[in-house]
C-alpha atoms as a PDB file:
ATOM      1  CA  MET A   1     -17.103  -0.338   3.927  1.00  0.00           C
ATOM      2  CA  THR A   2     -13.532   0.098   3.808  1.00  0.00           C
ATOM      3  CA  LYS A   3     -11.905  -2.190   1.418  1.00  0.00           C
ATOM      4  CA  THR A   4      -8.932  -4.360   2.129  1.00  0.00           C
ATOM      5  CA  ASP A   5      -5.364  -3.747   0.370  1.00  0.00           C
ATOM      6  CA  ASN A   6      -5.859  -6.458  -2.031  1.00  0.00           C
ATOM      7  CA  GLU A   7      -9.418  -5.601  -2.950  1.00  0.00           C
ATOM      8  CA  LEU A   8      -8.340  -1.997  -3.923  1.00  0.00           C
ATOM      9  CA  ILE A   9      -5.375  -3.177  -5.718  1.00  0.00           C
ATOM     10  CA  ARG A  10      -7.613  -5.643  -7.757  1.00  0.00           C
ATOM     11  CA  GLU A  11     -10.080  -3.101  -8.339  1.00  0.00           C
ATOM     12  CA  TYR A  12      -7.503  -0.713  -9.703  1.00  0.00           C
ATOM     13  CA  GLN A  13      -5.761  -3.479 -11.958  1.00  0.00           C
ATOM     14  CA  ALA A  14      -9.317  -4.231 -13.222  1.00  0.00           C
ATOM     15  CA  LYS A  15     -10.136  -0.541 -14.210  1.00  0.00           C
ATOM     16  CA  MET A  16      -6.614  -0.412 -15.873  1.00  0.00           C
ATOM     17  CA  ASN A  17      -7.122  -3.408 -18.023  1.00  0.00           C
ATOM     18  CA  ALA A  18     -10.660  -2.497 -18.920  1.00  0.00           C
ATOM     19  CA  MET A  19      -9.366   1.268 -19.867  1.00  0.00           C
ATOM     20  CA  ASN A  20      -6.456  -0.483 -22.132  1.00  0.00           C
ATOM     21  CA  ALA A  21      -9.207  -2.619 -23.679  1.00  0.00           C
ATOM     22  CA  PHE A  22     -11.336  -0.110 -25.035  1.00  0.00           C
ATOM     23  CA  VAL A  23      -9.883   3.231 -24.728  1.00  0.00           C
ATOM     24  CA  ALA A  24     -10.222   3.435 -28.689  1.00  0.00           C
ATOM     25  CA  ASN A  25     -13.777   3.176 -29.166  1.00  0.00           C
ATOM     26  CA  CYS A  26     -15.033   4.222 -25.588  1.00  0.00           C
ATOM     27  CA  PRO A  27     -17.278   7.535 -24.945  1.00  0.00           C
ATOM     28  CA  LEU A  28     -14.933  10.050 -23.169  1.00  0.00           C
ATOM     29  CA  ARG A  29     -17.222  10.295 -20.235  1.00  0.00           C
ATOM     30  CA  VAL A  30     -16.937   7.020 -19.702  1.00  0.00           C
ATOM     31  CA  LYS A  31     -13.085   6.927 -19.575  1.00  0.00           C
ATOM     32  CA  ALA A  32     -13.062  10.234 -17.693  1.00  0.00           C
ATOM     33  CA  GLU A  33     -15.199   8.456 -14.771  1.00  0.00           C
ATOM     34  CA  TYR A  34     -12.587   5.338 -15.011  1.00  0.00           C
ATOM     35  CA  ALA A  35      -9.831   7.685 -14.849  1.00  0.00           C
ATOM     36  CA  ARG A  36     -11.484   9.719 -11.765  1.00  0.00           C
ATOM     37  CA  ARG A  37     -12.047   6.355  -9.683  1.00  0.00           C
ATOM     38  CA  MET A  38      -8.536   5.070 -10.617  1.00  0.00           C
ATOM     39  CA  LYS A  39      -7.169   8.442  -9.221  1.00  0.00           C
ATOM     40  CA  GLU A  40      -9.223   7.969  -6.315  1.00  0.00           C
ATOM     41  CA  ILE A  41      -7.789   4.316  -5.565  1.00  0.00           C
ATOM     42  CA  ARG A  42      -4.138   5.665  -6.042  1.00  0.00           C
ATOM     43  CA  ASP A  43      -4.630   8.606  -3.632  1.00  0.00           C
ATOM     44  CA  GLU A  44      -5.922   5.608  -1.177  1.00  0.00           C
ATOM     45  CA  LEU A  45      -3.211   3.303  -1.685  1.00  0.00           C
ATOM     46  CA  ARG A  46      -0.579   6.358  -1.211  1.00  0.00           C
ATOM     47  CA  THR A  47      -1.989   7.093   1.953  1.00  0.00           C
ATOM     48  CA  ARG A  48      -1.700   3.404   2.963  1.00  0.00           C
ATOM     49  CA  GLY A  49       1.930   3.133   1.510  1.00  0.00           C
ATOM     50  CA  LEU A  50       1.331   0.638  -1.100  1.00  0.00           C
ATOM     51  CA  TYR A  51       1.523   2.838  -4.056  1.00  0.00           C
ATOM     52  CA  GLU A  52       4.682   4.712  -5.097  1.00  0.00           C
ATOM     53  CA  ALA A  53       3.820   7.834  -7.047  1.00  0.00           C
ATOM     54  CA  ASN A  54       7.515   8.470  -8.654  1.00  0.00           C
ATOM     55  CA  CYS A  55       7.518   5.309 -10.483  1.00  0.00           C
ATOM     56  CA  GLY A  56       3.908   4.434 -10.810  1.00  0.00           C
ATOM     57  CA  GLN A  57       4.054   1.137  -9.410  1.00  0.00           C
ATOM     58  CA  PHE A  58       2.551  -0.839  -6.381  1.00  0.00           C
ATOM     59  CA  VAL A  59       5.616  -1.205  -3.548  1.00  0.00           C
ATOM     60  CA  THR A  60       4.293  -4.337  -2.307  1.00  0.00           C
ATOM     61  CA  ILE A  61       0.973  -6.537  -2.909  1.00  0.00           C
ATOM     62  CA  PRO A  62       0.045  -7.628   0.916  1.00  0.00           C
ATOM     63  CA  VAL A  63      -0.817 -11.347   0.948  1.00  0.00           C
ATOM     64  CA  GLU A  64      -3.935 -12.095   3.168  1.00  0.00           C
END
């Protein structure tokens, strides 16, 4: 199942918020898994032209 742009962006932001919330006391393997999934999402968003790698920000957030 292919996710919409908004779903991918929301998932990425949720993962980023979770990483920030428990970065100090979380097992390394969990952080590594979150980071791996975040990288996959960033790569997909770059492919769709929605994530700018140079500045690390979303180019646009589409409205559904």
